[in-house]
N, C-alpha and C. Protein backbone atom coordinates (compact mmCIF):
# COMPACT_ATOMS: atom_id res chain seq x y z
N UNK A 1 82.69 84.20 90.54
CA UNK A 1 84.10 84.48 90.41
C UNK A 1 84.92 83.69 91.42
N UNK A 2 84.50 83.69 92.69
CA UNK A 2 85.23 82.95 93.71
C UNK A 2 85.14 81.45 93.50
N UNK A 3 84.06 81.00 92.86
CA UNK A 3 83.88 79.57 92.65
C UNK A 3 85.01 78.99 91.80
N UNK A 4 85.53 79.78 90.85
CA UNK A 4 86.63 79.32 90.00
C UNK A 4 87.89 79.05 90.83
N UNK A 5 88.12 79.84 91.86
CA UNK A 5 89.33 79.68 92.66
C UNK A 5 89.22 78.54 93.68
N UNK A 6 88.00 78.26 94.11
CA UNK A 6 87.82 77.27 95.16
C UNK A 6 87.41 75.89 94.63
N UNK A 7 87.24 75.74 93.35
CA UNK A 7 86.94 74.40 92.83
C UNK A 7 88.24 73.61 92.75
N UNK A 8 88.14 72.35 93.12
CA UNK A 8 89.31 71.47 93.11
C UNK A 8 89.16 70.55 91.90
N UNK A 9 89.89 70.84 90.84
CA UNK A 9 89.79 70.04 89.62
C UNK A 9 91.15 69.48 89.20
N UNK A 10 92.12 69.60 90.07
CA UNK A 10 93.45 69.12 89.74
C UNK A 10 94.05 68.42 90.96
N UNK A 11 94.74 67.32 90.73
CA UNK A 11 95.40 66.65 91.87
C UNK A 11 96.44 67.53 92.55
N UNK A 12 97.04 68.43 91.79
CA UNK A 12 98.03 69.33 92.39
C UNK A 12 97.38 70.24 93.42
N UNK A 13 96.14 70.70 93.15
CA UNK A 13 95.42 71.51 94.12
C UNK A 13 95.07 70.70 95.37
N UNK A 14 94.70 69.45 95.18
CA UNK A 14 94.36 68.59 96.32
C UNK A 14 95.59 68.38 97.19
N UNK A 15 96.71 68.06 96.57
CA UNK A 15 97.95 67.84 97.33
C UNK A 15 98.38 69.13 98.03
N UNK A 16 98.33 70.24 97.32
CA UNK A 16 98.70 71.52 97.92
C UNK A 16 97.79 71.88 99.08
N UNK A 17 96.49 71.65 98.92
CA UNK A 17 95.54 71.93 99.98
C UNK A 17 95.80 71.05 101.19
N UNK A 18 96.06 69.77 100.95
CA UNK A 18 96.31 68.84 102.05
C UNK A 18 97.59 69.20 102.81
N UNK A 19 98.64 69.48 102.07
CA UNK A 19 99.91 69.84 102.70
C UNK A 19 99.76 71.16 103.47
N UNK A 20 99.09 72.11 102.87
CA UNK A 20 98.88 73.40 103.54
C UNK A 20 98.08 73.26 104.82
N UNK A 21 96.99 72.47 104.78
CA UNK A 21 96.19 72.26 105.98
C UNK A 21 96.98 71.51 107.05
N UNK A 22 97.79 70.55 106.64
CA UNK A 22 98.65 69.83 107.61
C UNK A 22 99.60 70.80 108.30
N UNK A 23 100.26 71.64 107.53
CA UNK A 23 101.22 72.58 108.11
C UNK A 23 100.54 73.58 109.04
N UNK A 24 99.38 74.09 108.63
CA UNK A 24 98.67 75.06 109.47
C UNK A 24 98.19 74.39 110.76
N UNK A 25 97.60 73.20 110.59
CA UNK A 25 97.11 72.48 111.77
C UNK A 25 98.24 72.11 112.71
N UNK A 26 99.34 71.64 112.17
CA UNK A 26 100.47 71.26 113.01
C UNK A 26 101.09 72.49 113.67
N UNK A 27 101.11 73.60 112.95
CA UNK A 27 101.66 74.83 113.53
C UNK A 27 100.83 75.32 114.70
N UNK A 28 99.51 75.32 114.54
CA UNK A 28 98.62 75.76 115.62
C UNK A 28 98.73 74.80 116.80
N UNK A 29 98.73 73.50 116.50
CA UNK A 29 98.81 72.50 117.57
C UNK A 29 100.12 72.60 118.34
N UNK A 30 101.21 72.79 117.64
CA UNK A 30 102.51 72.83 118.32
C UNK A 30 102.69 74.09 119.16
N UNK A 31 101.98 75.16 118.81
CA UNK A 31 102.10 76.38 119.62
C UNK A 31 101.22 76.32 120.87
N UNK A 32 100.22 75.46 120.89
CA UNK A 32 99.29 75.39 122.01
C UNK A 32 99.74 74.44 123.11
N UNK A 33 100.38 73.32 122.73
CA UNK A 33 100.75 72.32 123.73
C UNK A 33 102.21 71.93 123.55
N UNK A 34 102.76 71.28 124.55
CA UNK A 34 104.13 70.78 124.50
C UNK A 34 104.11 69.41 123.83
N UNK A 35 104.79 69.28 122.71
CA UNK A 35 104.75 68.05 121.91
C UNK A 35 106.09 67.33 122.01
N UNK A 36 106.08 66.00 122.18
CA UNK A 36 107.33 65.24 122.18
C UNK A 36 108.06 65.37 120.84
N UNK A 37 109.37 65.18 120.88
CA UNK A 37 110.19 65.36 119.67
C UNK A 37 109.80 64.42 118.53
N UNK A 38 109.48 63.15 118.83
CA UNK A 38 109.15 62.22 117.75
C UNK A 38 107.85 62.62 117.06
N UNK A 39 106.89 63.15 117.78
CA UNK A 39 105.64 63.62 117.16
C UNK A 39 105.92 64.87 116.33
N UNK A 40 106.79 65.72 116.83
CA UNK A 40 107.15 66.93 116.09
C UNK A 40 107.82 66.57 114.77
N UNK A 41 108.73 65.60 114.81
CA UNK A 41 109.38 65.17 113.56
C UNK A 41 108.36 64.54 112.60
N UNK A 42 107.42 63.79 113.12
CA UNK A 42 106.38 63.21 112.27
C UNK A 42 105.55 64.31 111.61
N UNK A 43 105.26 65.36 112.37
CA UNK A 43 104.49 66.47 111.81
C UNK A 43 105.27 67.20 110.72
N UNK A 44 106.56 67.27 110.87
CA UNK A 44 107.39 67.94 109.87
C UNK A 44 107.53 67.07 108.62
N UNK A 45 107.71 65.77 108.81
CA UNK A 45 107.99 64.87 107.68
C UNK A 45 106.75 64.44 106.89
N UNK A 46 105.57 64.44 107.51
CA UNK A 46 104.36 63.99 106.82
C UNK A 46 104.09 64.77 105.53
N UNK A 47 104.05 66.09 105.54
CA UNK A 47 103.82 66.81 104.28
C UNK A 47 104.92 66.55 103.25
N UNK A 48 106.15 66.42 103.73
CA UNK A 48 107.26 66.13 102.81
C UNK A 48 107.06 64.78 102.14
N UNK A 49 106.67 63.76 102.91
CA UNK A 49 106.45 62.43 102.34
C UNK A 49 105.27 62.42 101.37
N UNK A 50 104.22 63.17 101.69
CA UNK A 50 103.08 63.27 100.78
C UNK A 50 103.52 63.89 99.46
N UNK A 51 104.36 64.91 99.55
CA UNK A 51 104.88 65.54 98.32
C UNK A 51 105.72 64.56 97.50
N UNK A 52 106.56 63.80 98.16
CA UNK A 52 107.40 62.81 97.46
C UNK A 52 106.53 61.77 96.77
N UNK A 53 105.52 61.26 97.47
CA UNK A 53 104.62 60.27 96.87
C UNK A 53 103.89 60.85 95.65
N UNK A 54 103.47 62.10 95.75
CA UNK A 54 102.80 62.74 94.62
C UNK A 54 103.73 62.80 93.40
N UNK A 55 104.98 63.18 93.62
CA UNK A 55 105.89 63.30 92.49
C UNK A 55 106.30 61.93 91.94
N UNK A 56 106.28 60.90 92.77
CA UNK A 56 106.51 59.55 92.26
C UNK A 56 105.37 59.15 91.32
N UNK A 57 104.14 59.43 91.74
CA UNK A 57 102.99 59.14 90.87
C UNK A 57 103.09 59.99 89.61
N UNK A 58 103.45 61.23 89.76
CA UNK A 58 103.57 62.11 88.60
C UNK A 58 104.62 61.61 87.62
N UNK A 59 105.71 61.04 88.14
CA UNK A 59 106.78 60.55 87.27
C UNK A 59 106.38 59.26 86.56
N UNK A 60 105.80 58.30 87.30
CA UNK A 60 105.53 56.99 86.71
C UNK A 60 104.18 56.91 85.99
N UNK A 61 103.19 57.64 86.41
CA UNK A 61 101.86 57.57 85.80
C UNK A 61 101.26 58.97 85.62
N UNK A 62 101.86 59.82 84.81
CA UNK A 62 101.34 61.18 84.69
C UNK A 62 99.94 61.24 84.08
N UNK A 63 99.60 60.27 83.23
CA UNK A 63 98.28 60.29 82.60
C UNK A 63 97.16 60.04 83.61
N UNK A 64 97.47 59.45 84.77
CA UNK A 64 96.44 59.21 85.78
C UNK A 64 96.05 60.48 86.52
N UNK A 65 96.78 61.55 86.33
CA UNK A 65 96.49 62.79 87.03
C UNK A 65 95.50 63.68 86.28
N UNK A 66 95.07 63.26 85.12
CA UNK A 66 94.14 64.05 84.32
C UNK A 66 92.78 63.39 84.31
N UNK A 67 91.75 64.20 84.36
CA UNK A 67 90.39 63.69 84.22
C UNK A 67 89.83 64.20 82.90
N UNK A 68 88.77 63.60 82.42
CA UNK A 68 88.19 64.07 81.15
C UNK A 68 87.76 65.53 81.20
N UNK A 69 87.39 66.03 82.37
CA UNK A 69 86.96 67.43 82.47
C UNK A 69 88.13 68.41 82.35
N UNK A 70 89.37 67.93 82.43
CA UNK A 70 90.53 68.80 82.26
C UNK A 70 90.75 69.19 80.80
N UNK A 71 90.09 68.51 79.89
CA UNK A 71 90.27 68.75 78.47
C UNK A 71 89.10 69.57 77.93
N UNK A 72 89.38 70.39 76.93
CA UNK A 72 88.34 71.17 76.29
C UNK A 72 87.32 70.25 75.64
N UNK A 73 87.82 69.26 74.92
CA UNK A 73 86.97 68.25 74.30
C UNK A 73 87.31 66.91 74.96
N UNK A 74 86.33 66.24 75.52
CA UNK A 74 86.60 65.01 76.26
C UNK A 74 87.09 63.88 75.36
N UNK A 75 86.93 64.03 74.07
CA UNK A 75 87.48 63.04 73.15
C UNK A 75 89.01 63.07 73.18
N UNK A 76 89.57 64.23 73.48
CA UNK A 76 91.02 64.34 73.59
C UNK A 76 91.57 63.49 74.73
N UNK A 77 90.77 63.35 75.80
CA UNK A 77 91.16 62.48 76.91
C UNK A 77 91.29 61.04 76.43
N UNK A 78 90.34 60.60 75.63
CA UNK A 78 90.38 59.23 75.10
C UNK A 78 91.56 59.05 74.15
N UNK A 79 91.86 60.07 73.37
CA UNK A 79 93.02 60.01 72.48
C UNK A 79 94.29 59.89 73.29
N UNK A 80 94.40 60.64 74.38
CA UNK A 80 95.57 60.56 75.26
C UNK A 80 95.71 59.16 75.83
N UNK A 81 94.62 58.59 76.31
CA UNK A 81 94.67 57.24 76.88
C UNK A 81 95.10 56.21 75.83
N UNK A 82 94.60 56.36 74.60
CA UNK A 82 95.00 55.45 73.52
C UNK A 82 96.48 55.57 73.21
N UNK A 83 96.99 56.79 73.21
CA UNK A 83 98.42 57.00 72.92
C UNK A 83 99.29 56.42 74.03
N UNK A 84 98.86 56.58 75.27
CA UNK A 84 99.61 56.00 76.39
C UNK A 84 99.64 54.48 76.27
N UNK A 85 98.50 53.90 75.93
CA UNK A 85 98.44 52.44 75.76
C UNK A 85 99.31 51.98 74.60
N UNK A 86 99.35 52.75 73.52
CA UNK A 86 100.21 52.40 72.39
C UNK A 86 101.68 52.47 72.78
N UNK A 87 102.05 53.48 73.52
CA UNK A 87 103.44 53.63 73.95
C UNK A 87 103.86 52.47 74.84
N UNK A 88 102.96 52.03 75.72
CA UNK A 88 103.29 50.93 76.62
C UNK A 88 103.42 49.60 75.88
N UNK A 89 102.94 49.52 74.64
CA UNK A 89 103.05 48.29 73.87
C UNK A 89 104.33 48.23 73.02
N UNK A 90 105.12 49.29 73.01
CA UNK A 90 106.35 49.32 72.23
C UNK A 90 107.35 48.34 72.87
N UNK A 91 108.00 47.51 72.06
CA UNK A 91 108.93 46.52 72.62
C UNK A 91 110.03 47.12 73.49
N UNK A 92 110.52 48.31 73.17
CA UNK A 92 111.56 48.93 73.99
C UNK A 92 111.06 49.20 75.40
N UNK A 93 109.83 49.67 75.52
CA UNK A 93 109.26 49.96 76.83
C UNK A 93 109.06 48.66 77.60
N UNK A 94 108.52 47.66 76.92
CA UNK A 94 108.30 46.37 77.57
C UNK A 94 109.63 45.76 78.02
N UNK A 95 110.64 45.80 77.15
CA UNK A 95 111.93 45.22 77.47
C UNK A 95 112.58 45.94 78.65
N UNK A 96 112.39 47.26 78.72
CA UNK A 96 112.99 48.02 79.82
C UNK A 96 112.36 47.67 81.17
N UNK A 97 111.15 47.13 81.16
CA UNK A 97 110.49 46.75 82.41
C UNK A 97 110.84 45.34 82.86
N UNK A 98 111.53 44.58 82.02
CA UNK A 98 111.88 43.21 82.38
C UNK A 98 112.97 43.17 83.43
N UNK A 99 112.88 42.17 84.30
CA UNK A 99 113.94 41.94 85.27
C UNK A 99 114.93 40.95 84.67
N UNK A 100 116.05 40.76 85.35
CA UNK A 100 117.15 39.95 84.83
C UNK A 100 116.74 38.52 84.45
N UNK A 101 115.96 37.80 85.26
CA UNK A 101 115.58 36.44 84.83
C UNK A 101 114.75 36.43 83.54
N UNK A 102 113.87 37.41 83.39
CA UNK A 102 113.05 37.47 82.19
C UNK A 102 113.90 37.80 80.96
N UNK A 103 114.87 38.68 81.12
CA UNK A 103 115.75 39.01 80.00
C UNK A 103 116.52 37.77 79.56
N UNK A 104 117.08 37.07 80.52
CA UNK A 104 117.86 35.86 80.17
C UNK A 104 116.98 34.79 79.55
N UNK A 105 115.78 34.63 80.05
CA UNK A 105 114.86 33.64 79.51
C UNK A 105 114.46 34.00 78.09
N UNK A 106 114.20 35.28 77.84
CA UNK A 106 113.83 35.74 76.50
C UNK A 106 114.98 35.54 75.52
N UNK A 107 116.19 35.90 75.93
CA UNK A 107 117.34 35.73 75.04
C UNK A 107 117.64 34.26 74.81
N UNK A 108 117.45 33.43 75.82
CA UNK A 108 117.64 31.98 75.65
C UNK A 108 116.62 31.42 74.68
N UNK A 109 115.40 31.91 74.75
CA UNK A 109 114.36 31.44 73.83
C UNK A 109 114.71 31.81 72.40
N UNK A 110 115.27 32.99 72.22
CA UNK A 110 115.65 33.39 70.86
C UNK A 110 116.82 32.55 70.36
N UNK A 111 117.77 32.27 71.22
CA UNK A 111 118.90 31.43 70.84
C UNK A 111 118.42 30.04 70.46
N UNK A 112 117.41 29.56 71.18
CA UNK A 112 116.83 28.25 70.87
C UNK A 112 116.22 28.25 69.47
N UNK A 113 115.62 29.36 69.09
CA UNK A 113 115.04 29.47 67.76
C UNK A 113 116.12 29.38 66.68
N UNK A 114 117.26 29.98 66.95
CA UNK A 114 118.35 29.97 65.97
C UNK A 114 119.06 28.62 65.89
N UNK A 115 119.08 27.86 67.00
CA UNK A 115 119.75 26.56 67.03
C UNK A 115 118.81 25.49 67.59
N UNK A 116 117.75 25.13 66.88
CA UNK A 116 116.77 24.21 67.46
C UNK A 116 117.29 22.78 67.63
N UNK A 117 118.31 22.39 66.90
CA UNK A 117 118.79 21.01 66.97
C UNK A 117 119.75 20.77 68.12
N UNK A 118 120.25 21.82 68.72
CA UNK A 118 121.24 21.69 69.78
C UNK A 118 120.54 21.51 71.13
N UNK A 119 120.12 20.29 71.43
CA UNK A 119 119.36 19.99 72.65
C UNK A 119 120.22 20.12 73.90
N UNK A 120 121.52 19.76 73.82
CA UNK A 120 122.38 19.89 74.99
C UNK A 120 122.53 21.35 75.38
N UNK A 121 122.60 22.21 74.41
CA UNK A 121 122.73 23.63 74.68
C UNK A 121 121.47 24.15 75.39
N UNK A 122 120.31 23.66 74.97
CA UNK A 122 119.06 24.07 75.62
C UNK A 122 119.08 23.68 77.09
N UNK A 123 119.45 22.44 77.36
CA UNK A 123 119.48 21.96 78.74
C UNK A 123 120.51 22.73 79.56
N UNK A 124 121.66 23.04 78.96
CA UNK A 124 122.69 23.80 79.67
C UNK A 124 122.20 25.21 80.01
N UNK A 125 121.54 25.87 79.05
CA UNK A 125 121.03 27.22 79.31
C UNK A 125 119.96 27.19 80.40
N UNK A 126 119.09 26.18 80.35
CA UNK A 126 118.05 26.06 81.36
C UNK A 126 118.67 25.80 82.74
N UNK A 127 119.68 24.94 82.80
CA UNK A 127 120.36 24.68 84.08
C UNK A 127 121.04 25.94 84.61
N UNK A 128 121.61 26.74 83.70
CA UNK A 128 122.23 28.00 84.13
C UNK A 128 121.20 28.94 84.74
N UNK A 129 120.02 29.00 84.12
CA UNK A 129 118.96 29.85 84.66
C UNK A 129 118.49 29.36 86.02
N UNK A 130 118.29 28.05 86.12
CA UNK A 130 117.80 27.46 87.38
C UNK A 130 118.83 27.64 88.49
N UNK A 131 120.10 27.51 88.16
CA UNK A 131 121.14 27.67 89.18
C UNK A 131 121.32 29.13 89.61
N UNK A 132 121.08 30.06 88.69
CA UNK A 132 121.29 31.47 89.00
C UNK A 132 120.09 32.10 89.72
N UNK A 133 118.88 31.67 89.36
CA UNK A 133 117.66 32.28 89.91
C UNK A 133 116.82 31.19 90.58
N UNK A 134 116.00 31.59 91.53
CA UNK A 134 115.13 30.60 92.17
C UNK A 134 113.88 30.36 91.33
N UNK A 135 113.09 29.36 91.73
CA UNK A 135 111.92 28.96 90.94
C UNK A 135 110.88 30.06 90.84
N UNK A 136 110.70 30.82 91.91
CA UNK A 136 109.72 31.91 91.88
C UNK A 136 110.11 32.98 90.86
N UNK A 137 111.39 33.31 90.81
CA UNK A 137 111.85 34.32 89.85
C UNK A 137 111.67 33.83 88.42
N UNK A 138 111.95 32.57 88.18
CA UNK A 138 111.81 32.03 86.83
C UNK A 138 110.34 31.95 86.43
N UNK A 139 109.48 31.52 87.37
CA UNK A 139 108.05 31.47 87.07
C UNK A 139 107.49 32.87 86.81
N UNK A 140 107.92 33.83 87.60
CA UNK A 140 107.47 35.22 87.41
C UNK A 140 107.95 35.75 86.05
N UNK A 141 109.20 35.44 85.70
CA UNK A 141 109.74 35.88 84.41
C UNK A 141 108.96 35.24 83.26
N UNK A 142 108.68 33.96 83.39
CA UNK A 142 107.92 33.27 82.34
C UNK A 142 106.52 33.85 82.22
N UNK A 143 105.89 34.15 83.34
CA UNK A 143 104.54 34.74 83.31
C UNK A 143 104.54 36.11 82.64
N UNK A 144 105.56 36.92 82.93
CA UNK A 144 105.64 38.24 82.30
C UNK A 144 105.83 38.10 80.80
N UNK A 145 106.70 37.19 80.38
CA UNK A 145 106.94 37.02 78.94
C UNK A 145 105.72 36.43 78.24
N UNK A 146 104.96 35.59 78.91
CA UNK A 146 103.72 35.07 78.33
C UNK A 146 102.69 36.20 78.26
N UNK A 147 102.65 37.06 79.28
CA UNK A 147 101.73 38.20 79.26
C UNK A 147 102.07 39.15 78.10
N UNK A 148 103.36 39.35 77.85
CA UNK A 148 103.78 40.17 76.71
C UNK A 148 103.51 39.48 75.38
N UNK A 149 103.19 38.20 75.42
CA UNK A 149 102.98 37.37 74.23
C UNK A 149 104.29 37.18 73.46
N UNK A 150 105.40 37.18 74.18
CA UNK A 150 106.70 36.93 73.56
C UNK A 150 107.07 35.45 73.67
N UNK A 151 106.56 34.77 74.69
CA UNK A 151 106.76 33.33 74.85
C UNK A 151 105.40 32.69 75.05
N UNK A 152 105.33 31.42 74.69
CA UNK A 152 104.10 30.68 74.97
C UNK A 152 104.46 29.48 75.83
N UNK A 153 103.54 29.12 76.69
CA UNK A 153 103.77 27.95 77.54
C UNK A 153 103.43 26.72 76.73
N UNK A 154 104.43 25.94 76.45
CA UNK A 154 104.26 24.72 75.69
C UNK A 154 105.01 23.60 76.37
N UNK A 155 105.57 22.73 75.56
CA UNK A 155 106.36 21.63 76.11
C UNK A 155 107.63 22.13 76.76
N UNK A 156 108.11 23.25 76.28
CA UNK A 156 109.36 23.81 76.78
C UNK A 156 109.12 25.28 77.12
N UNK A 157 109.80 25.83 78.11
CA UNK A 157 109.63 27.26 78.39
C UNK A 157 110.26 28.14 77.31
N UNK A 158 110.89 27.53 76.31
CA UNK A 158 111.55 28.30 75.27
C UNK A 158 110.74 28.42 73.99
N UNK A 159 109.43 28.32 74.06
CA UNK A 159 108.60 28.45 72.87
C UNK A 159 108.38 29.93 72.56
N UNK A 160 109.13 30.43 71.60
CA UNK A 160 109.06 31.84 71.23
C UNK A 160 107.90 32.05 70.26
N UNK A 161 107.13 33.11 70.46
CA UNK A 161 106.01 33.42 69.57
C UNK A 161 106.48 34.36 68.46
N UNK A 162 105.58 34.63 67.53
CA UNK A 162 105.90 35.55 66.43
C UNK A 162 106.17 36.96 66.98
N UNK A 163 105.36 37.39 67.95
CA UNK A 163 105.59 38.72 68.55
C UNK A 163 106.95 38.76 69.24
N UNK A 164 107.33 37.65 69.85
CA UNK A 164 108.64 37.59 70.50
C UNK A 164 109.78 37.69 69.50
N UNK A 165 109.62 36.98 68.37
CA UNK A 165 110.66 37.08 67.32
C UNK A 165 110.75 38.50 66.79
N UNK A 166 109.59 39.09 66.53
CA UNK A 166 109.57 40.47 66.01
C UNK A 166 110.19 41.44 67.00
N UNK A 167 109.87 41.28 68.28
CA UNK A 167 110.43 42.16 69.30
C UNK A 167 111.94 41.99 69.38
N UNK A 168 112.41 40.75 69.32
CA UNK A 168 113.86 40.53 69.39
C UNK A 168 114.56 41.11 68.16
N UNK A 169 113.99 40.93 66.99
CA UNK A 169 114.59 41.48 65.78
C UNK A 169 114.66 43.01 65.86
N UNK A 170 113.60 43.64 66.34
CA UNK A 170 113.58 45.09 66.47
C UNK A 170 114.65 45.56 67.46
N UNK A 171 114.73 44.89 68.60
CA UNK A 171 115.74 45.25 69.60
C UNK A 171 117.15 45.01 69.06
N UNK A 172 117.33 43.91 68.34
CA UNK A 172 118.65 43.59 67.79
C UNK A 172 119.07 44.64 66.76
N UNK A 173 118.17 45.01 65.87
CA UNK A 173 118.51 46.03 64.86
C UNK A 173 118.79 47.38 65.51
N UNK A 174 118.08 47.69 66.56
CA UNK A 174 118.33 48.94 67.26
C UNK A 174 119.72 48.94 67.89
N UNK A 175 120.09 47.84 68.56
CA UNK A 175 121.39 47.74 69.20
C UNK A 175 122.50 47.78 68.16
N UNK A 176 122.35 47.03 67.08
CA UNK A 176 123.38 47.04 66.04
C UNK A 176 123.48 48.40 65.39
N UNK A 177 122.35 49.07 65.23
CA UNK A 177 122.37 50.41 64.65
C UNK A 177 123.08 51.40 65.56
N UNK A 178 122.91 51.25 66.89
CA UNK A 178 123.56 52.14 67.85
C UNK A 178 125.06 51.84 67.95
N UNK A 179 125.43 50.57 67.82
CA UNK A 179 126.84 50.22 67.93
C UNK A 179 127.60 50.44 66.64
N UNK A 180 126.89 50.47 65.51
CA UNK A 180 127.53 50.52 64.22
C UNK A 180 127.93 51.85 63.77
């Protein structure tokens, strides 16, 4: 009976146990000796910071807090992981993770697809990107878009792939549907 209460099978129990032990230990220590103020503040803030970090993980990666043993049937754990992976592949989720240089590069690539004969426009858009962002930001943006398989590295950084066209069309229809 007691074994059920003392088994640690949840990250919330681990965090609670750690914070509780910190508070008890710090309380006993502070009553026994004279502690400088900066150490006292560190003792007060440490459990608070641990709690904040836990909730950040809980917010951004909640599926990482579950183990297969948390499920009645461990196949459900695999189903959950598959669903999380499917959700992360949705163009809206991917687009929301893009930074400003990647967004501009992606939109420029789509504009290039619509107007392939306008070479001066391509050079002007590229110069605008280079002037606004540094080379590291542009390289990082290009790498992210290649990782998403929305752009391909070819002769020009504006080589849009089929997945990129499909993602842009989906995003465009969503925006027009929301504005219309």
